[in-house]
């Protein structure tokens, strides 16, 4: 079940201008709905103009924006951000959540799919971050949250390339946090475990500690008002993967094979 949010956290969101990429389904849509219910104004970005229009129409409250764009297309992203600046004049929070997932293993590397993963998950997120940071620097304040994944902690079966893009995002966000300290910009990293979304529906393996998108969104909303750099959950799963990073490779590899059966 989604975790309850204290009332003072609800007041924190009143009138906040929030941009979410990948906002039409899964975690992105659940976040948009949760924040709109707390009084925030939402700008949603995804590739499909029809899906974005429907998502914005379904949000509670008013003043929301539909910003269709493929974040892997710099020109489309520039157009979306120009409309955001024209409509709102600025931005309080950017949640960079857009991403794609294709199961892949080392004996069957799909190069077009691999390149698309890098273009969307990594290059697109970097482009979106650069656009949001420019707005924040101009205003002297802002809040950036980058959604990576626990698949970025260690190499996992069927996460070839996807996991690499998420590992790169973790490193990228760590560096952003260091570089922007003292500039009035709060930077946070979000690393969810397995969440039931259209992207994970096709998985043919057991997903431990699987959460609903609504539960994931509630945990992220609570974390965004905290001082923590990293928001990761569920901890009974994520802490085990963090431990894997500290173990010698032979031990970690054996444990991963045993746990996944792959």
Foldseek 3Di string as FASTA:
>chain_A
DADDDDLVLLVVLAAAEEEEEPQQWFLNVLLQQVSVVSHHAYEYEEADQVSQVVSNVPHPDDDHHYQYDQLLDLVSLVVSLVVVCVSPVAHAEYEYDDAAAFFDADVDDDVVVLVVRCSRLAVSSVSNVVSNVVRQLVVQAHEYEYEAALLCLDPAHRCVSNNVSSVVVVVVQVVVCVVCVPSHYHTAYEYEAAEDIPRCPPDPFDGPPYYYSNNSSSQVSNVSPDNDRYRYDDCVPSVVSNVLNVDPVVVSVVVNCVVGVD
